[in-house]
């Protein structure tokens, strides 16, 4: 019985570790998307400011 409890704990830990890796990947992926969106926004704003400055 004890062997099964230890095995179950190891399996549960492995499942939690896998979930954590997937969650970390999802968070990092979304953060990178947001970074790219902000970069594009800042580039557009920069072009607008340059245009307004030249007028």
N, C-alpha and C. Protein backbone atom coordinates (compact mmCIF):
# COMPACT_ATOMS: atom_id res chain seq x y z
N UNK A 1 0.82 -1.19 0.00
CA UNK A 1 0.00 0.00 0.00
C UNK A 1 0.87 1.26 0.00
N UNK A 2 1.92 1.29 0.84
CA UNK A 2 2.78 2.46 0.87
C UNK A 2 3.44 2.74 -0.48
N UNK A 3 3.81 1.72 -1.18
CA UNK A 3 4.43 1.90 -2.49
C UNK A 3 3.48 2.61 -3.44
N UNK A 4 2.21 2.26 -3.37
CA UNK A 4 1.21 2.92 -4.21
C UNK A 4 1.04 4.39 -3.84
N UNK A 5 1.09 4.69 -2.56
CA UNK A 5 0.96 6.08 -2.12
C UNK A 5 2.14 6.89 -2.63
N UNK A 6 3.33 6.35 -2.52
CA UNK A 6 4.52 7.04 -3.03
C UNK A 6 4.46 7.24 -4.53
N UNK A 7 4.00 6.23 -5.23
CA UNK A 7 3.89 6.31 -6.69
C UNK A 7 2.84 7.35 -7.08
N UNK A 8 1.71 7.35 -6.37
CA UNK A 8 0.65 8.30 -6.64
C UNK A 8 1.15 9.73 -6.42
N UNK A 9 1.91 9.93 -5.35
CA UNK A 9 2.47 11.25 -5.06
C UNK A 9 3.41 11.68 -6.17
N UNK A 10 4.25 10.77 -6.64
CA UNK A 10 5.18 11.09 -7.72
C UNK A 10 4.44 11.43 -9.00
N UNK A 11 3.38 10.68 -9.29
CA UNK A 11 2.58 10.95 -10.49
C UNK A 11 1.89 12.30 -10.35
N UNK A 12 1.33 12.57 -9.17
CA UNK A 12 0.67 13.85 -8.94
C UNK A 12 1.65 15.01 -9.09
N UNK A 13 2.85 14.82 -8.56
CA UNK A 13 3.87 15.87 -8.68
C UNK A 13 4.25 16.07 -10.14
N UNK A 14 4.39 14.99 -10.88
CA UNK A 14 4.73 15.09 -12.30
C UNK A 14 3.62 15.83 -13.05
N UNK A 15 2.37 15.54 -12.71
CA UNK A 15 1.25 16.23 -13.36
C UNK A 15 1.27 17.71 -13.02
N UNK A 16 1.55 18.05 -11.77
CA UNK A 16 1.63 19.47 -11.37
C UNK A 16 2.79 20.15 -12.08
N UNK A 17 3.91 19.47 -12.18
CA UNK A 17 5.07 20.04 -12.87
C UNK A 17 4.74 20.31 -14.34
N UNK A 18 4.06 19.35 -14.96
CA UNK A 18 3.69 19.53 -16.37
C UNK A 18 2.73 20.70 -16.52
N UNK A 19 1.75 20.80 -15.63
CA UNK A 19 0.81 21.93 -15.68
C UNK A 19 1.54 23.25 -15.50
N UNK A 20 2.51 23.27 -14.60
CA UNK A 20 3.27 24.50 -14.35
C UNK A 20 4.06 24.91 -15.59
N UNK A 21 4.67 23.93 -16.26
CA UNK A 21 5.42 24.22 -17.49
C UNK A 21 4.50 24.78 -18.56
N UNK A 22 3.32 24.17 -18.71
CA UNK A 22 2.36 24.65 -19.71
C UNK A 22 1.88 26.05 -19.36
N UNK A 23 1.58 26.30 -18.10
CA UNK A 23 1.14 27.62 -17.67
C UNK A 23 2.24 28.66 -17.88
N UNK A 24 3.47 28.32 -17.53
CA UNK A 24 4.59 29.24 -17.76
C UNK A 24 4.73 29.57 -19.24
N UNK A 25 4.61 28.56 -20.09
CA UNK A 25 4.71 28.79 -21.53
C UNK A 25 3.60 29.73 -21.99
N UNK A 26 2.38 29.50 -21.54
CA UNK A 26 1.24 30.33 -21.94
C UNK A 26 1.43 31.77 -21.48
N UNK A 27 1.89 31.95 -20.26
CA UNK A 27 2.12 33.30 -19.74
C UNK A 27 3.21 34.00 -20.54
N UNK A 28 4.31 33.31 -20.80
CA UNK A 28 5.40 33.91 -21.57
C UNK A 28 4.99 34.22 -23.00
N UNK A 29 4.18 33.34 -23.60
CA UNK A 29 3.71 33.55 -24.96
C UNK A 29 2.84 34.80 -25.02
N UNK A 30 1.91 34.93 -24.09
CA UNK A 30 1.03 36.11 -24.06
C UNK A 30 1.83 37.37 -23.77
N UNK A 31 2.79 37.31 -22.89
CA UNK A 31 3.61 38.48 -22.59
C UNK A 31 4.39 38.91 -23.83
N UNK A 32 4.90 37.96 -24.59
CA UNK A 32 5.62 38.29 -25.82
C UNK A 32 4.69 38.93 -26.83
N UNK A 33 3.46 38.43 -26.93
CA UNK A 33 2.48 39.04 -27.83
C UNK A 33 2.22 40.49 -27.43
N UNK A 34 2.04 40.72 -26.14
CA UNK A 34 1.80 42.07 -25.65
C UNK A 34 3.00 42.97 -25.93
N UNK A 35 4.21 42.45 -25.76
CA UNK A 35 5.41 43.23 -26.05
C UNK A 35 5.46 43.64 -27.51
N UNK A 36 5.12 42.71 -28.41
CA UNK A 36 5.13 43.02 -29.84
C UNK A 36 4.05 44.05 -30.18
N UNK A 37 2.88 43.93 -29.55
CA UNK A 37 1.81 44.91 -29.78
C UNK A 37 2.23 46.29 -29.31
N UNK A 38 2.84 46.36 -28.13
CA UNK A 38 3.31 47.65 -27.62
C UNK A 38 4.41 48.24 -28.50
N UNK A 39 5.30 47.40 -28.98
CA UNK A 39 6.37 47.87 -29.85
C UNK A 39 5.78 48.49 -31.12
N UNK A 40 4.79 47.81 -31.70
CA UNK A 40 4.15 48.33 -32.91
C UNK A 40 3.44 49.65 -32.61
N UNK A 41 2.78 49.73 -31.47
CA UNK A 41 2.10 50.96 -31.07
C UNK A 41 3.10 52.10 -30.91
N UNK A 42 4.20 51.85 -30.22
CA UNK A 42 5.21 52.89 -30.03
C UNK A 42 5.83 53.33 -31.35
N UNK A 43 6.02 52.40 -32.26
CA UNK A 43 6.57 52.76 -33.57
C UNK A 43 5.59 53.66 -34.32
N UNK A 44 4.29 53.36 -34.26
CA UNK A 44 3.30 54.21 -34.91
C UNK A 44 3.25 55.59 -34.27
N UNK A 45 3.32 55.63 -32.94
CA UNK A 45 3.32 56.91 -32.25
C UNK A 45 4.56 57.72 -32.60
N UNK A 46 5.69 57.05 -32.69
CA UNK A 46 6.93 57.73 -33.04
C UNK A 46 6.83 58.36 -34.43
N UNK A 47 6.28 57.61 -35.38
CA UNK A 47 6.10 58.14 -36.74
C UNK A 47 5.16 59.33 -36.74
N UNK A 48 4.09 59.23 -35.94
CA UNK A 48 3.15 60.34 -35.86
C UNK A 48 3.80 61.60 -35.27
N UNK A 49 4.60 61.40 -34.24
CA UNK A 49 5.29 62.53 -33.63
C UNK A 49 6.29 63.16 -34.60
N UNK A 50 7.00 62.33 -35.34
CA UNK A 50 7.92 62.85 -36.35
C UNK A 50 7.18 63.65 -37.41
N UNK A 51 6.05 63.15 -37.85
CA UNK A 51 5.24 63.84 -38.85
C UNK A 51 4.75 65.18 -38.31
N UNK A 52 4.24 65.18 -37.08
CA UNK A 52 3.74 66.42 -36.48
C UNK A 52 4.88 67.42 -36.26
N UNK A 53 6.03 66.92 -35.90
CA UNK A 53 7.18 67.80 -35.66
C UNK A 53 7.65 68.47 -36.95
N UNK A 54 7.54 67.79 -38.08
CA UNK A 54 7.99 68.33 -39.36
C UNK A 54 7.04 69.36 -39.93
N UNK A 55 5.80 69.37 -39.45
CA UNK A 55 4.80 70.32 -39.99
C UNK A 55 5.04 71.71 -39.59
